[in-house]
PDB file of N, CA and C in Angstrom:
ATOM      1  N   MET A   1      97.459 193.580 -34.782  1.00  0.00           N
ATOM      2  CA  MET A   1      99.223 194.208 -35.004  1.00  0.00           C
ATOM      3  C   MET A   1      99.980 193.759 -34.308  1.00  0.00           C
ATOM      4  N   LEU A   2     101.042 192.909 -34.482  1.00  0.00           N
ATOM      5  CA  LEU A   2     102.097 192.337 -33.686  1.00  0.00           C
ATOM      6  C   LEU A   2     103.182 193.449 -33.463  1.00  0.00           C
ATOM      7  N   ARG A   3     103.311 193.312 -31.909  1.00  0.00           N
ATOM      8  CA  ARG A   3     104.292 194.421 -31.183  1.00  0.00           C
ATOM      9  C   ARG A   3     105.420 194.287 -32.243  1.00  0.00           C
ATOM     10  N   GLY A   4     105.658 195.022 -32.351  1.00  0.00           N
ATOM     11  CA  GLY A   4     107.631 195.207 -32.814  1.00  0.00           C
ATOM     12  C   GLY A   4     107.562 195.236 -34.313  1.00  0.00           C
ATOM     13  N   ALA A   5     105.999 194.796 -34.845  1.00  0.00           N
ATOM     14  CA  ALA A   5     106.452 194.275 -36.511  1.00  0.00           C
ATOM     15  C   ALA A   5     105.952 195.568 -37.378  1.00  0.00           C
ATOM     16  N   GLY A   6     107.103 195.935 -38.177  1.00  0.00           N
ATOM     17  CA  GLY A   6     106.742 197.472 -38.689  1.00  0.00           C
ATOM     18  C   GLY A   6     105.552 196.898 -40.317  1.00  0.00           C
ATOM     19  N   PRO A   7     105.617 198.255 -40.803  1.00  0.00           N
ATOM     20  CA  PRO A   7     104.447 197.221 -41.981  1.00  0.00           C
ATOM     21  C   PRO A   7     105.070 196.452 -42.808  1.00  0.00           C
ATOM     22  N   GLU A   8     106.626 197.102 -43.302  1.00  0.00           N
ATOM     23  CA  GLU A   8     107.179 195.805 -44.762  1.00  0.00           C
ATOM     24  C   GLU A   8     107.259 194.770 -44.057  1.00  0.00           C
ATOM     25  N   MET A   9     107.441 194.558 -42.366  1.00  0.00           N
ATOM     26  CA  MET A   9     107.520 192.932 -42.146  1.00  0.00           C
ATOM     27  C   MET A   9     106.522 191.975 -42.057  1.00  0.00           C
ATOM     28  N   LEU A  10     105.132 192.880 -41.831  1.00  0.00           N
ATOM     29  CA  LEU A  10     103.838 192.915 -41.829  1.00  0.00           C
ATOM     30  C   LEU A  10     104.219 192.095 -43.558  1.00  0.00           C
ATOM     31  N   VAL A  11     104.227 192.798 -44.085  1.00  0.00           N
ATOM     32  CA  VAL A  11     103.820 192.674 -46.396  1.00  0.00           C
ATOM     33  C   VAL A  11     104.775 191.402 -46.281  1.00  0.00           C
ATOM     34  N   ASP A  12     105.788 191.345 -45.554  1.00  0.00           N
ATOM     35  CA  ASP A  12     106.282 189.770 -46.046  1.00  0.00           C
ATOM     36  C   ASP A  12     105.558 188.764 -45.449  1.00  0.00           C
ATOM     37  N   ALA A  13     105.782 188.630 -44.007  1.00  0.00           N
ATOM     38  CA  ALA A  13     104.832 187.872 -42.989  1.00  0.00           C
ATOM     39  C   ALA A  13     103.392 187.136 -43.737  1.00  0.00           C
ATOM     40  N   GLU A  14     102.830 188.277 -44.268  1.00  0.00           N
ATOM     41  CA  GLU A  14     101.407 187.779 -45.257  1.00  0.00           C
ATOM     42  C   GLU A  14     101.787 186.858 -46.300  1.00  0.00           C
ATOM     43  N   LEU A  15     103.108 187.423 -47.599  1.00  0.00           N
ATOM     44  CA  LEU A  15     102.998 186.588 -48.202  1.00  0.00           C
ATOM     45  C   LEU A  15     103.888 185.185 -47.963  1.00  0.00           C
ATOM     46  N   VAL A  16     104.674 185.043 -46.972  1.00  0.00           N
ATOM     47  CA  VAL A  16     105.067 183.917 -46.499  1.00  0.00           C
ATOM     48  C   VAL A  16     103.924 183.323 -45.839  1.00  0.00           C
ATOM     49  N   CYS A  17     103.232 183.922 -45.149  1.00  0.00           N
ATOM     50  CA  CYS A  17     102.045 182.774 -44.527  1.00  0.00           C
ATOM     51  C   CYS A  17     101.405 182.033 -45.387  1.00  0.00           C
ATOM     52  N   THR A  18     101.400 182.957 -46.560  1.00  0.00           N
ATOM     53  CA  THR A  18     100.587 182.197 -47.915  1.00  0.00           C
ATOM     54  C   THR A  18     100.767 181.090 -48.199  1.00  0.00           C
ATOM     55  N   GLU A  19     102.130 181.489 -48.903  1.00  0.00           N
ATOM     56  CA  GLU A  19     102.757 180.605 -48.998  1.00  0.00           C
ATOM     57  C   GLU A  19     102.903 179.113 -48.824  1.00  0.00           C
ATOM     58  N   LEU A  20     102.978 179.605 -47.309  1.00  0.00           N
ATOM     59  CA  LEU A  20     103.276 177.864 -46.479  1.00  0.00           C
ATOM     60  C   LEU A  20     102.311 177.247 -46.489  1.00  0.00           C
ATOM     61  N   VAL A  21     101.342 177.861 -45.880  1.00  0.00           N
ATOM     62  CA  VAL A  21      99.935 177.716 -46.139  1.00  0.00           C
ATOM     63  C   VAL A  21      99.290 177.131 -47.188  1.00  0.00           C
ATOM     64  N   THR A  22      99.196 177.541 -48.649  1.00  0.00           N
ATOM     65  CA  THR A  22      99.103 177.219 -49.671  1.00  0.00           C
ATOM     66  C   THR A  22      99.543 175.677 -49.966  1.00  0.00           C
ATOM     67  N   ASN A  23     101.551 175.680 -49.592  1.00  0.00           N
ATOM     68  CA  ASN A  23     101.667 174.248 -49.301  1.00  0.00           C
ATOM     69  C   ASN A  23     101.221 172.788 -48.832  1.00  0.00           C
ATOM     70  N   ALA A  24     100.590 173.289 -47.444  1.00  0.00           N
ATOM     71  CA  ALA A  24     100.475 172.453 -46.870  1.00  0.00           C
ATOM     72  C   ALA A  24      99.297 172.163 -47.683  1.00  0.00           C
ATOM     73  N   VAL A  25      97.901 172.621 -47.729  1.00  0.00           N
ATOM     74  CA  VAL A  25      96.335 172.583 -48.303  1.00  0.00           C
ATOM     75  C   VAL A  25      97.244 171.833 -49.639  1.00  0.00           C
ATOM     76  N   GLU A  26      97.912 172.054 -50.004  1.00  0.00           N
ATOM     77  CA  GLU A  26      97.706 171.349 -51.448  1.00  0.00           C
ATOM     78  C   GLU A  26      98.534 170.348 -51.693  1.00  0.00           C
ATOM     79  N   HIS A  27      99.903 169.719 -50.731  1.00  0.00           N
ATOM     80  CA  HIS A  27     100.723 169.088 -50.855  1.00  0.00           C
ATOM     81  C   HIS A  27     100.537 168.424 -49.563  1.00  0.00           C
ATOM     82  N   ALA A  28      99.616 168.447 -48.430  1.00  0.00           N
ATOM     83  CA  ALA A  28     100.070 167.419 -47.090  1.00  0.00           C
ATOM     84  C   ALA A  28      98.396 167.545 -46.548  1.00  0.00           C
ATOM     85  N   ALA A  29      98.515 166.231 -45.926  1.00  0.00           N
ATOM     86  CA  ALA A  29      97.084 166.036 -44.989  1.00  0.00           C
ATOM     87  C   ALA A  29      97.306 166.570 -43.748  1.00  0.00           C
ATOM     88  N   GLY A  30      95.692 167.395 -43.685  1.00  0.00           N
ATOM     89  CA  GLY A  30      95.200 167.387 -42.601  1.00  0.00           C
ATOM     90  C   GLY A  30      95.326 166.853 -41.245  1.00  0.00           C
ATOM     91  N   PRO A  31      95.228 166.853 -39.823  1.00  0.00           N
ATOM     92  CA  PRO A  31      94.885 168.615 -39.738  1.00  0.00           C
ATOM     93  C   PRO A  31      96.118 169.345 -39.938  1.00  0.00           C
ATOM     94  N   ARG A  32      95.729 171.409 -39.968  1.00  0.00           N
ATOM     95  CA  ARG A  32      96.862 171.643 -40.179  1.00  0.00           C
ATOM     96  C   ARG A  32      96.478 173.019 -39.353  1.00  0.00           C
ATOM     97  N   SER A  33      97.676 173.662 -38.563  1.00  0.00           N
ATOM     98  CA  SER A  33      97.730 174.635 -38.391  1.00  0.00           C
ATOM     99  C   SER A  33      99.006 175.224 -38.553  1.00  0.00           C
ATOM    100  N   VAL A  34      98.458 176.743 -37.890  1.00  0.00           N
ATOM    101  CA  VAL A  34      98.985 177.710 -38.481  1.00  0.00           C
ATOM    102  C   VAL A  34      99.620 178.590 -36.781  1.00  0.00           C
ATOM    103  N   ARG A  35     100.732 179.114 -36.429  1.00  0.00           N
ATOM    104  CA  ARG A  35     100.995 180.187 -35.394  1.00  0.00           C
ATOM    105  C   ARG A  35     102.387 181.413 -35.464  1.00  0.00           C
ATOM    106  N   VAL A  36     101.502 182.332 -35.344  1.00  0.00           N
ATOM    107  CA  VAL A  36     102.679 183.818 -35.835  1.00  0.00           C
ATOM    108  C   VAL A  36     102.808 184.674 -34.773  1.00  0.00           C
ATOM    109  N   ALA A  37     104.595 184.684 -34.123  1.00  0.00           N
ATOM    110  CA  ALA A  37     104.382 185.489 -32.875  1.00  0.00           C
ATOM    111  C   ALA A  37     105.889 186.180 -33.468  1.00  0.00           C
ATOM    112  N   MET A  38     105.970 186.999 -32.581  1.00  0.00           N
ATOM    113  CA  MET A  38     107.872 187.712 -32.230  1.00  0.00           C
ATOM    114  C   MET A  38     108.191 186.974 -31.495  1.00  0.00           C
ATOM    115  N   ALA A  39     109.147 186.823 -31.638  1.00  0.00           N
ATOM    116  CA  ALA A  39     110.432 185.700 -30.990  1.00  0.00           C
ATOM    117  C   ALA A  39     111.424 186.473 -31.639  1.00  0.00           C
ATOM    118  N   ASP A  40     112.141 187.122 -29.886  1.00  0.00           N
ATOM    119  CA  ASP A  40     113.231 187.747 -30.220  1.00  0.00           C
ATOM    120  C   ASP A  40     113.154 189.363 -31.656  1.00  0.00           C
ATOM    121  N   GLU A  41     114.130 189.143 -31.879  1.00  0.00           N
ATOM    122  CA  GLU A  41     114.261 190.009 -33.646  1.00  0.00           C
ATOM    123  C   GLU A  41     113.616 189.562 -34.155  1.00  0.00           C
ATOM    124  N   ASP A  42     113.289 188.433 -34.718  1.00  0.00           N
ATOM    125  CA  ASP A  42     112.293 187.757 -36.112  1.00  0.00           C
ATOM    126  C   ASP A  42     110.574 187.639 -35.469  1.00  0.00           C
ATOM    127  N   LEU A  43     109.513 187.152 -37.075  1.00  0.00           N
ATOM    128  CA  LEU A  43     108.951 187.336 -36.498  1.00  0.00           C
ATOM    129  C   LEU A  43     108.560 185.483 -37.081  1.00  0.00           C
ATOM    130  N   ARG A  44     108.189 184.958 -36.519  1.00  0.00           N
ATOM    131  CA  ARG A  44     107.871 183.560 -36.508  1.00  0.00           C
ATOM    132  C   ARG A  44     106.817 183.026 -37.079  1.00  0.00           C
ATOM    133  N   ILE A  45     106.616 182.412 -38.307  1.00  0.00           N
ATOM    134  CA  ILE A  45     105.564 181.744 -38.815  1.00  0.00           C
ATOM    135  C   ILE A  45     105.707 180.485 -39.047  1.00  0.00           C
ATOM    136  N   GLU A  46     104.896 179.727 -38.337  1.00  0.00           N
ATOM    137  CA  GLU A  46     104.804 178.228 -38.554  1.00  0.00           C
ATOM    138  C   GLU A  46     103.550 177.614 -38.348  1.00  0.00           C
ATOM    139  N   VAL A  47     103.777 176.681 -39.779  1.00  0.00           N
ATOM    140  CA  VAL A  47     102.868 175.639 -40.030  1.00  0.00           C
ATOM    141  C   VAL A  47     102.603 174.637 -39.835  1.00  0.00           C
ATOM    142  N   ASP A  48     102.089 173.924 -39.222  1.00  0.00           N
ATOM    143  CA  ASP A  48     102.136 172.137 -39.185  1.00  0.00           C
ATOM    144  C   ASP A  48     101.094 171.518 -39.868  1.00  0.00           C
ATOM    145  N   ASP A  49     101.194 170.764 -40.296  1.00  0.00           N
ATOM    146  CA  ASP A  49     100.459 169.533 -40.873  1.00  0.00           C
ATOM    147  C   ASP A  49     100.590 167.647 -40.792  1.00  0.00           C
ATOM    148  N   ALA A  50     100.023 167.128 -40.917  1.00  0.00           N
ATOM    149  CA  ALA A  50     100.429 165.746 -40.987  1.00  0.00           C
ATOM    150  C   ALA A  50     100.782 164.555 -42.301  1.00  0.00           C
ATOM    151  N   SER A  51     101.855 165.485 -42.495  1.00  0.00           N
ATOM    152  CA  SER A  51     102.887 164.823 -43.951  1.00  0.00           C
ATOM    153  C   SER A  51     104.488 164.860 -43.385  1.00  0.00           C
ATOM    154  N   PRO A  52     104.793 164.042 -42.494  1.00  0.00           N
ATOM    155  CA  PRO A  52     106.224 164.440 -42.157  1.00  0.00           C
ATOM    156  C   PRO A  52     106.475 163.724 -43.225  1.00  0.00           C
ATOM    157  N   GLU A  53     106.066 163.025 -44.186  1.00  0.00           N
ATOM    158  CA  GLU A  53     107.446 162.497 -44.991  1.00  0.00           C
ATOM    159  C   GLU A  53     107.513 163.259 -46.773  1.00  0.00           C
ATOM    160  N   LYS A  54     106.550 164.249 -46.441  1.00  0.00           N
ATOM    161  CA  LYS A  54     106.408 165.335 -47.485  1.00  0.00           C
ATOM    162  C   LYS A  54     107.386 166.088 -47.847  1.00  0.00           C
ATOM    163  N   PRO A  55     108.559 165.908 -48.823  1.00  0.00           N
ATOM    164  CA  PRO A  55     110.124 166.620 -49.398  1.00  0.00           C
ATOM    165  C   PRO A  55     108.986 168.204 -49.671  1.00  0.00           C
ATOM    166  N   LEU A  56     109.773 169.009 -49.184  1.00  0.00           N
ATOM    167  CA  LEU A  56     109.709 170.537 -50.097  1.00  0.00           C
ATOM    168  C   LEU A  56     111.248 171.055 -50.368  1.00  0.00           C
ATOM    169  N   THR A  57     111.071 171.235 -51.501  1.00  0.00           N
ATOM    170  CA  THR A  57     112.077 172.068 -52.461  1.00  0.00           C
ATOM    171  C   THR A  57     111.994 173.006 -53.325  1.00  0.00           C
ATOM    172  N   PRO A  58     112.650 174.359 -52.948  1.00  0.00           N
ATOM    173  CA  PRO A  58     112.213 175.298 -53.356  1.00  0.00           C
ATOM    174  C   PRO A  58     112.168 175.502 -55.294  1.00  0.00           C
ATOM    175  N   GLY A  59     111.515 175.534 -55.985  1.00  0.00           N
ATOM    176  CA  GLY A  59     111.845 175.964 -57.025  1.00  0.00           C
ATOM    177  C   GLY A  59     111.320 174.231 -58.132  1.00  0.00           C
ATOM    178  N   VAL A  60     110.485 174.023 -57.179  1.00  0.00           N
ATOM    179  CA  VAL A  60     110.145 171.828 -57.519  1.00  0.00           C
ATOM    180  C   VAL A  60     108.838 172.404 -57.423  1.00  0.00           C
ATOM    181  N   SER A  61     107.736 171.392 -58.216  1.00  0.00           N
ATOM    182  CA  SER A  61     106.443 171.178 -58.209  1.00  0.00           C
ATOM    183  C   SER A  61     105.666 169.791 -57.933  1.00  0.00           C
ATOM    184  N   ARG A  62     105.055 169.461 -57.725  1.00  0.00           N
ATOM    185  CA  ARG A  62     104.483 168.528 -58.589  1.00  0.00           C
ATOM    186  C   ARG A  62     103.081 168.438 -59.327  1.00  0.00           C
ATOM    187  N   LEU A  63     102.544 169.682 -58.912  1.00  0.00           N
ATOM    188  CA  LEU A  63     101.782 170.195 -59.722  1.00  0.00           C
ATOM    189  C   LEU A  63     101.900 170.841 -60.926  1.00  0.00           C
ATOM    190  N   GLY A  64     102.961 170.311 -61.519  1.00  0.00           N
ATOM    191  CA  GLY A  64     103.268 171.076 -63.144  1.00  0.00           C
ATOM    192  C   GLY A  64     103.831 172.201 -62.872  1.00  0.00           C
ATOM    193  N   GLY A  65     104.259 172.719 -64.599  1.00  0.00           N
ATOM    194  CA  GLY A  65     105.489 173.673 -64.591  1.00  0.00           C
ATOM    195  C   GLY A  65     105.974 175.066 -64.414  1.00  0.00           C
ATOM    196  N   MET A  66     104.143 175.330 -64.464  1.00  0.00           N
ATOM    197  CA  MET A  66     103.766 176.659 -64.061  1.00  0.00           C
ATOM    198  C   MET A  66     103.784 177.083 -62.266  1.00  0.00           C
ATOM    199  N   ARG A  67     104.210 176.189 -61.546  1.00  0.00           N
ATOM    200  CA  ARG A  67     103.839 175.859 -60.449  1.00  0.00           C
ATOM    201  C   ARG A  67     105.586 175.727 -59.535  1.00  0.00           C
ATOM    202  N   GLY A  68     105.775 175.960 -58.191  1.00  0.00           N
ATOM    203  CA  GLY A  68     106.721 176.013 -57.466  1.00  0.00           C
ATOM    204  C   GLY A  68     107.890 176.781 -57.413  1.00  0.00           C
ATOM    205  N   ARG A  69     107.173 178.503 -57.286  1.00  0.00           N
ATOM    206  CA  ARG A  69     107.849 179.516 -57.321  1.00  0.00           C
ATOM    207  C   ARG A  69     107.572 179.834 -55.297  1.00  0.00           C
ATOM    208  N   GLY A  70     106.801 179.145 -54.561  1.00  0.00           N
ATOM    209  CA  GLY A  70     106.476 179.934 -53.374  1.00  0.00           C
ATOM    210  C   GLY A  70     107.657 179.918 -52.628  1.00  0.00           C
ATOM    211  N   LEU A  71     107.983 178.652 -52.449  1.00  0.00           N
ATOM    212  CA  LEU A  71     109.693 178.871 -51.344  1.00  0.00           C
ATOM    213  C   LEU A  71     110.551 179.727 -51.878  1.00  0.00           C
ATOM    214  N   VAL A  72     110.773 179.946 -53.317  1.00  0.00           N
ATOM    215  CA  VAL A  72     111.885 180.266 -54.127  1.00  0.00           C
ATOM    216  C   VAL A  72     111.606 182.137 -52.887  1.00  0.00           C
ATOM    217  N   ILE A  73     110.147 182.540 -53.165  1.00  0.00           N
ATOM    218  CA  ILE A  73     109.933 183.491 -52.481  1.00  0.00           C
ATOM    219  C   ILE A  73     110.307 183.494 -51.192  1.00  0.00           C
ATOM    220  N   VAL A  74     109.842 182.642 -50.820  1.00  0.00           N
ATOM    221  CA  VAL A  74     109.919 182.101 -49.160  1.00  0.00           C
ATOM    222  C   VAL A  74     110.974 182.232 -48.468  1.00  0.00           C
ATOM    223  N   ASP A  75     112.191 181.755 -49.171  1.00  0.00           N
ATOM    224  CA  ASP A  75     113.562 181.540 -48.919  1.00  0.00           C
ATOM    225  C   ASP A  75     114.639 182.565 -49.457  1.00  0.00           C
ATOM    226  N   ALA A  76     114.097 183.720 -50.279  1.00  0.00           N
ATOM    227  CA  ALA A  76     113.929 184.843 -50.632  1.00  0.00           C
ATOM    228  C   ALA A  76     114.375 185.963 -49.388  1.00  0.00           C
ATOM    229  N   VAL A  77     113.086 185.578 -48.517  1.00  0.00           N
ATOM    230  CA  VAL A  77     112.769 187.298 -47.442  1.00  0.00           C
ATOM    231  C   VAL A  77     112.745 186.211 -46.057  1.00  0.00           C
ATOM    232  N   THR A  78     113.196 185.155 -45.959  1.00  0.00           N
ATOM    233  CA  THR A  78     113.459 184.407 -44.778  1.00  0.00           C
ATOM    234  C   THR A  78     114.168 183.743 -44.408  1.00  0.00           C
ATOM    235  N   ARG A  79     114.945 183.230 -42.925  1.00  0.00           N
ATOM    236  CA  ARG A  79     115.771 181.936 -42.994  1.00  0.00           C
ATOM    237  C   ARG A  79     114.281 180.839 -42.895  1.00  0.00           C
ATOM    238  N   TRP A  80     114.071 179.715 -43.065  1.00  0.00           N
ATOM    239  CA  TRP A  80     113.095 178.558 -43.008  1.00  0.00           C
ATOM    240  C   TRP A  80     113.441 177.346 -42.888  1.00  0.00           C
ATOM    241  N   GLY A  81     112.866 176.254 -42.378  1.00  0.00           N
ATOM    242  CA  GLY A  81     113.608 175.051 -42.476  1.00  0.00           C
ATOM    243  C   GLY A  81     111.951 174.550 -41.734  1.00  0.00           C
ATOM    244  N   ILE A  82     112.434 173.032 -41.831  1.00  0.00           N
ATOM    245  CA  ILE A  82     111.039 171.879 -41.427  1.00  0.00           C
ATOM    246  C   ILE A  82     111.695 171.494 -40.154  1.00  0.00           C
ATOM    247  N   ASP A  83     110.856 171.284 -39.426  1.00  0.00           N
ATOM    248  CA  ASP A  83     111.511 170.178 -38.055  1.00  0.00           C
ATOM    249  C   ASP A  83     110.240 169.263 -38.373  1.00  0.00           C
ATOM    250  N   ARG A  84     110.724 167.728 -38.640  1.00  0.00           N
ATOM    251  CA  ARG A  84     109.895 166.670 -38.668  1.00  0.00           C
ATOM    252  C   ARG A  84     109.242 166.043 -37.421  1.00  0.00           C
ATOM    253  N   GLY A  85     108.140 165.605 -37.096  1.00  0.00           N
ATOM    254  CA  GLY A  85     108.202 164.381 -35.580  1.00  0.00           C
ATOM    255  C   GLY A  85     107.394 163.215 -36.789  1.00  0.00           C
ATOM    256  N   ARG A  86     107.264 162.564 -35.114  1.00  0.00           N
ATOM    257  CA  ARG A  86     106.400 160.702 -36.144  1.00  0.00           C
ATOM    258  C   ARG A  86     105.802 161.108 -37.073  1.00  0.00           C
ATOM    259  N   SER A  87     104.680 162.031 -36.590  1.00  0.00           N
ATOM    260  CA  SER A  87     103.526 161.954 -37.713  1.00  0.00           C
ATOM    261  C   SER A  87     103.058 163.340 -38.134  1.00  0.00           C
ATOM    262  N   THR A  88     103.555 163.603 -37.958  1.00  0.00           N
ATOM    263  CA  THR A  88     103.861 165.767 -38.455  1.00  0.00           C
ATOM    264  C   THR A  88     104.759 166.099 -38.907  1.00  0.00           C
ATOM    265  N   LYS A  89     104.798 166.932 -39.412  1.00  0.00           N
ATOM    266  CA  LYS A  89     105.632 168.517 -39.543  1.00  0.00           C
ATOM    267  C   LYS A  89     105.665 169.662 -39.253  1.00  0.00           C
ATOM    268  N   THR A  90     106.552 170.346 -38.917  1.00  0.00           N
ATOM    269  CA  THR A  90     106.585 172.004 -39.012  1.00  0.00           C
ATOM    270  C   THR A  90     107.093 172.928 -39.869  1.00  0.00           C
ATOM    271  N   VAL A  91     106.508 173.382 -40.580  1.00  0.00           N
ATOM    272  CA  VAL A  91     107.526 174.398 -41.578  1.00  0.00           C
ATOM    273  C   VAL A  91     107.633 176.084 -40.923  1.00  0.00           C
ATOM    274  N   TRP A  92     108.395 176.729 -40.836  1.00  0.00           N
ATOM    275  CA  TRP A  92     108.997 177.885 -40.225  1.00  0.00           C
ATOM    276  C   TRP A  92     109.462 178.148 -41.271  1.00  0.00           C
ATOM    277  N   ALA A  93     108.756 179.924 -40.939  1.00  0.00           N
ATOM    278  CA  ALA A  93     109.794 180.977 -41.680  1.00  0.00           C
ATOM    279  C   ALA A  93     110.125 182.022 -40.034  1.00  0.00           C
ATOM    280  N   ALA A  94     111.571 182.502 -40.427  1.00  0.00           N
ATOM    281  CA  ALA A  94     111.399 183.471 -39.455  1.00  0.00           C
ATOM    282  C   ALA A  94     112.219 185.013 -40.188  1.00  0.00           C
ATOM    283  N   ILE A  95     111.301 185.367 -39.505  1.00  0.00           N
ATOM    284  CA  ILE A  95     111.406 187.205 -40.932  1.00  0.00           C
ATOM    285  C   ILE A  95     112.272 188.026 -39.526  1.00  0.00           C
ATOM    286  N   PRO A  96     113.314 188.610 -40.041  1.00  0.00           N
ATOM    287  CA  PRO A  96     114.397 189.035 -39.785  1.00  0.00           C
ATOM    288  C   PRO A  96     113.658 190.724 -39.221  1.00  0.00           C
ATOM    289  N   ARG A  97     113.486 191.620 -38.241  1.00  0.00           N
ATOM    290  CA  ARG A  97     113.105 192.925 -38.245  1.00  0.00           C
ATOM    291  C   ARG A  97     114.282 193.725 -39.077  1.00  0.00           C
ATOM    292  N   THR A  98     114.122 195.087 -39.342  1.00  0.00           N
ATOM    293  CA  THR A  98     114.137 195.390 -40.395  1.00  0.00           C
ATOM    294  C   THR A  98     114.375 196.809 -39.677  1.00  0.00           C
TER     295      THR A  98
END
C-alpha cells in the first residue's frame, strides 16, 4: 500500500499502470522499467522503454481498429506526458489525490 493513496486512487493507478506497461511491451523495445511513488499530492507512475522515437497518440493504434483506447482512458484520469532521452523515453502519469 502506498502511504497517502486511498482505494479509489489505487484502482486508477492499477488501470493506468497496466495501460502504460502494455503500451511499452507492445510498441517499444526493451529493457523496460516501472516506478510508482507518491509525489507531493499526486501518485506518479513512470514507465521507461528503449524506443524514444515511437510516438503515442490517444485513440490511435498501429495494431488495428479494435485497439488504441488505453491512452484515452489514461488521459481521462491523469495528467500524463512523455520525457524523451537519446535512447529511451519515459511515459509518466500523475493521478491527483482525491
